[in-house]
Amino acid sequence: MLNMEAGSYYDADTAGEAQVVLTGLSGQRWSIGGVKWTYSTAAVTAGSVTIWSVDTANASNVIFSVDASDTVGSFYSDEISFAEPVKFPSNTTIIFELASGGSSVVGKINVLGAKAV
């Protein structure tokens, strides 16, 4: 069993997003406790957090999406914690993506309490 906090970030010089990919495991499924993300500057003009799954038939399904932009303060952080861990179907890859927050913004996303069960 793997129990971890997986993270990914992008810096201000790269376009795109930060992604954490929990690859599907044969006969096991992923369980997660939450998702946390940060942007490192004021003037976060864009950004979103999206979670989707890719099953064994390579079908993509958006599970969750939230606007993660904020224009107040010098640092923006938010977290979604689940009262009970969320368990995904076995053999399913789960992708967590933090979209770019705008020009010169550094972003990071963490998956909290990820376990293969």
C-alpha atoms as a PDB file:
ATOM      1  CA  MET A   1       0.000   0.000   0.000  1.00  0.00           C
ATOM      2  CA  LEU A   2       1.272   3.445  -0.929  1.00  0.00           C
ATOM      3  CA  ASN A   3       0.369   6.398   1.278  1.00  0.00           C
ATOM      4  CA  MET A   4       1.729   9.691   0.070  1.00  0.00           C
ATOM      5  CA  GLU A   5       1.297  13.340  -0.589  1.00  0.00           C
ATOM      6  CA  ALA A   6       1.985  13.792  -4.280  1.00  0.00           C
ATOM      7  CA  GLY A   7       2.756  17.247  -5.653  1.00  0.00           C
ATOM      8  CA  SER A   8       3.546  19.076  -8.847  1.00  0.00           C
ATOM      9  CA  TYR A   9       4.299  22.681  -9.719  1.00  0.00           C
ATOM     10  CA  TYR A  10       4.960  24.939 -12.664  1.00  0.00           C
ATOM     11  CA  ASP A  11       7.065  28.062 -12.605  1.00  0.00           C
ATOM     12  CA  ALA A  12       6.389  31.495 -14.028  1.00  0.00           C
ATOM     13  CA  ASP A  13       8.475  30.807 -17.128  1.00  0.00           C
ATOM     14  CA  THR A  14       6.397  27.849 -18.305  1.00  0.00           C
ATOM     15  CA  ALA A  15       2.974  27.926 -19.864  1.00  0.00           C
ATOM     16  CA  GLY A  16       0.417  25.315 -19.069  1.00  0.00           C
ATOM     17  CA  GLU A  17      -0.392  23.591 -15.852  1.00  0.00           C
ATOM     18  CA  ALA A  18       0.805  21.515 -12.951  1.00  0.00           C
ATOM     19  CA  GLN A  19      -0.363  17.914 -12.976  1.00  0.00           C
ATOM     20  CA  VAL A  20      -0.295  15.011 -10.575  1.00  0.00           C
ATOM     21  CA  VAL A  21      -1.038  11.675 -12.244  1.00  0.00           C
ATOM     22  CA  LEU A  22      -1.911   8.623 -10.159  1.00  0.00           C
ATOM     23  CA  THR A  23      -1.492   5.806 -12.663  1.00  0.00           C
ATOM     24  CA  GLY A  24      -4.089   3.042 -12.660  1.00  0.00           C
ATOM     25  CA  LEU A  25      -3.000  -0.101 -10.844  1.00  0.00           C
ATOM     26  CA  SER A  26      -4.129  -3.586 -11.736  1.00  0.00           C
ATOM     27  CA  GLY A  27      -6.534  -4.875  -9.097  1.00  0.00           C
ATOM     28  CA  GLN A  28      -6.183  -1.790  -6.886  1.00  0.00           C
ATOM     29  CA  ARG A  29      -7.879   1.560  -6.665  1.00  0.00           C
ATOM     30  CA  TRP A  30      -6.822   4.994  -5.527  1.00  0.00           C
ATOM     31  CA  SER A  31      -8.139   6.602  -2.366  1.00  0.00           C
ATOM     32  CA  ILE A  32      -7.512  10.317  -1.714  1.00  0.00           C
ATOM     33  CA  GLY A  33      -8.138  12.572   1.258  1.00  0.00           C
ATOM     34  CA  GLY A  34      -8.115  15.925  -0.508  1.00  0.00           C
ATOM     35  CA  VAL A  35      -6.482  18.393  -2.857  1.00  0.00           C
ATOM     36  CA  LYS A  36      -4.554  21.579  -2.012  1.00  0.00           C
ATOM     37  CA  TRP A  37      -3.289  24.246  -4.396  1.00  0.00           C
ATOM     38  CA  THR A  38      -1.378  27.515  -4.198  1.00  0.00           C
ATOM     39  CA  TYR A  39      -0.514  30.435  -6.422  1.00  0.00           C
ATOM     40  CA  SER A  40       2.436  32.574  -5.388  1.00  0.00           C
ATOM     41  CA  THR A  41       1.450  36.085  -6.379  1.00  0.00           C
ATOM     42  CA  ALA A  42      -1.219  38.714  -6.337  1.00  0.00           C
ATOM     43  CA  ALA A  43      -3.141  39.230  -9.564  1.00  0.00           C
ATOM     44  CA  VAL A  44      -4.048  35.626 -10.174  1.00  0.00           C
ATOM     45  CA  THR A  45      -6.157  36.310 -13.228  1.00  0.00           C
ATOM     46  CA  ALA A  46      -6.985  32.779 -14.284  1.00  0.00           C
ATOM     47  CA  GLY A  47      -6.671  29.271 -12.951  1.00  0.00           C
ATOM     48  CA  SER A  48      -8.716  26.213 -12.202  1.00  0.00           C
ATOM     49  CA  VAL A  49      -8.455  22.850 -10.520  1.00  0.00           C
ATOM     50  CA  THR A  50      -9.765  19.868 -12.467  1.00  0.00           C
ATOM     51  CA  ILE A  51      -9.820  16.214 -11.465  1.00  0.00           C
ATOM     52  CA  TRP A  52     -10.570  13.597 -14.075  1.00  0.00           C
ATOM     53  CA  SER A  53     -10.315   9.867 -14.465  1.00  0.00           C
ATOM     54  CA  VAL A  54      -9.164   7.746 -17.377  1.00  0.00           C
ATOM     55  CA  ASP A  55     -10.481   4.191 -17.248  1.00  0.00           C
ATOM     56  CA  THR A  56      -9.217   1.051 -18.954  1.00  0.00           C
ATOM     57  CA  ALA A  57     -11.200   1.935 -22.100  1.00  0.00           C
ATOM     58  CA  ASN A  58      -9.313   5.279 -22.226  1.00  0.00           C
ATOM     59  CA  ALA A  59     -12.505   7.214 -21.610  1.00  0.00           C
ATOM     60  CA  SER A  60     -11.917  10.525 -19.799  1.00  0.00           C
ATOM     61  CA  ASN A  61     -14.480  11.689 -17.251  1.00  0.00           C
ATOM     62  CA  VAL A  62     -14.307  15.024 -15.443  1.00  0.00           C
ATOM     63  CA  ILE A  63     -15.009  14.336 -11.790  1.00  0.00           C
ATOM     64  CA  PHE A  64     -14.549  17.800 -10.329  1.00  0.00           C
ATOM     65  CA  SER A  65     -13.701  21.284 -11.574  1.00  0.00           C
ATOM     66  CA  VAL A  66     -13.468  24.581  -9.705  1.00  0.00           C
ATOM     67  CA  ASP A  67     -12.411  28.126 -10.615  1.00  0.00           C
ATOM     68  CA  ALA A  68      -9.218  28.831  -8.668  1.00  0.00           C
ATOM     69  CA  SER A  69      -8.605  32.483  -9.534  1.00  0.00           C
ATOM     70  CA  ASP A  70      -8.329  35.248  -6.980  1.00  0.00           C
ATOM     71  CA  THR A  71      -7.238  38.857  -7.264  1.00  0.00           C
ATOM     72  CA  VAL A  72      -6.736  39.728  -3.591  1.00  0.00           C
ATOM     73  CA  GLY A  73      -3.536  39.340  -1.596  1.00  0.00           C
ATOM     74  CA  SER A  74       0.012  38.356  -2.401  1.00  0.00           C
ATOM     75  CA  PHE A  75      -0.502  34.596  -2.076  1.00  0.00           C
ATOM     76  CA  TYR A  76      -3.506  32.462  -2.878  1.00  0.00           C
ATOM     77  CA  SER A  77      -4.108  29.024  -1.405  1.00  0.00           C
ATOM     78  CA  ASP A  78      -7.108  26.769  -1.082  1.00  0.00           C
ATOM     79  CA  GLU A  79      -7.843  23.193  -0.110  1.00  0.00           C
ATOM     80  CA  ILE A  80     -10.635  20.688  -0.451  1.00  0.00           C
ATOM     81  CA  SER A  81     -10.624  17.958   2.194  1.00  0.00           C
ATOM     82  CA  PHE A  82     -13.100  15.120   2.159  1.00  0.00           C
ATOM     83  CA  ALA A  83     -14.780  13.906   5.380  1.00  0.00           C
ATOM     84  CA  GLU A  84     -14.225  10.351   4.146  1.00  0.00           C
ATOM     85  CA  PRO A  85     -11.505   9.453   1.616  1.00  0.00           C
ATOM     86  CA  VAL A  86     -12.757   9.320  -1.972  1.00  0.00           C
ATOM     87  CA  LYS A  87     -12.184   5.914  -3.573  1.00  0.00           C
ATOM     88  CA  PHE A  88     -11.967   5.552  -7.336  1.00  0.00           C
ATOM     89  CA  PRO A  89     -12.638   2.403  -9.390  1.00  0.00           C
ATOM     90  CA  SER A  90      -9.779  -0.068  -9.778  1.00  0.00           C
ATOM     91  CA  ASN A  91      -7.536   0.129 -12.849  1.00  0.00           C
ATOM     92  CA  THR A  92      -8.338   3.845 -13.209  1.00  0.00           C
ATOM     93  CA  THR A  93      -5.793   6.632 -13.667  1.00  0.00           C
ATOM     94  CA  ILE A  94      -6.659   9.825 -11.798  1.00  0.00           C
ATOM     95  CA  ILE A  95      -5.312  13.179 -13.039  1.00  0.00           C
ATOM     96  CA  PHE A  96      -5.219  16.335 -10.920  1.00  0.00           C
ATOM     97  CA  GLU A  97      -4.519  19.540 -12.836  1.00  0.00           C
ATOM     98  CA  LEU A  98      -3.899  23.117 -11.725  1.00  0.00           C
ATOM     99  CA  ALA A  99      -4.216  25.456 -14.694  1.00  0.00           C
ATOM    100  CA  SER A 100      -1.942  28.458 -15.104  1.00  0.00           C
ATOM    101  CA  GLY A 101      -2.889  31.394 -12.894  1.00  0.00           C
ATOM    102  CA  GLY A 102      -1.743  34.025 -15.384  1.00  0.00           C
ATOM    103  CA  SER A 103       1.417  35.849 -16.336  1.00  0.00           C
ATOM    104  CA  SER A 104       4.346  35.479 -13.880  1.00  0.00           C
ATOM    105  CA  VAL A 105       2.355  33.258 -11.518  1.00  0.00           C
ATOM    106  CA  VAL A 106       3.890  30.169  -9.932  1.00  0.00           C
ATOM    107  CA  GLY A 107       1.441  27.404  -9.010  1.00  0.00           C
ATOM    108  CA  LYS A 108       1.520  24.144  -7.096  1.00  0.00           C
ATOM    109  CA  ILE A 109      -0.993  21.349  -6.546  1.00  0.00           C
ATOM    110  CA  ASN A 110      -0.830  18.585  -3.931  1.00  0.00           C
ATOM    111  CA  VAL A 111      -2.912  15.448  -3.606  1.00  0.00           C
ATOM    112  CA  LEU A 112      -3.391  14.719   0.077  1.00  0.00           C
ATOM    113  CA  GLY A 113      -3.429  11.236   1.561  1.00  0.00           C
ATOM    114  CA  ALA A 114      -3.208   9.291  -1.699  1.00  0.00           C
ATOM    115  CA  LYS A 115      -3.282   5.525  -1.105  1.00  0.00           C
ATOM    116  CA  ALA A 116      -3.486   2.504  -3.349  1.00  0.00           C
ATOM    117  CA  VAL A 117      -5.997   0.125  -1.739  1.00  0.00           C
END
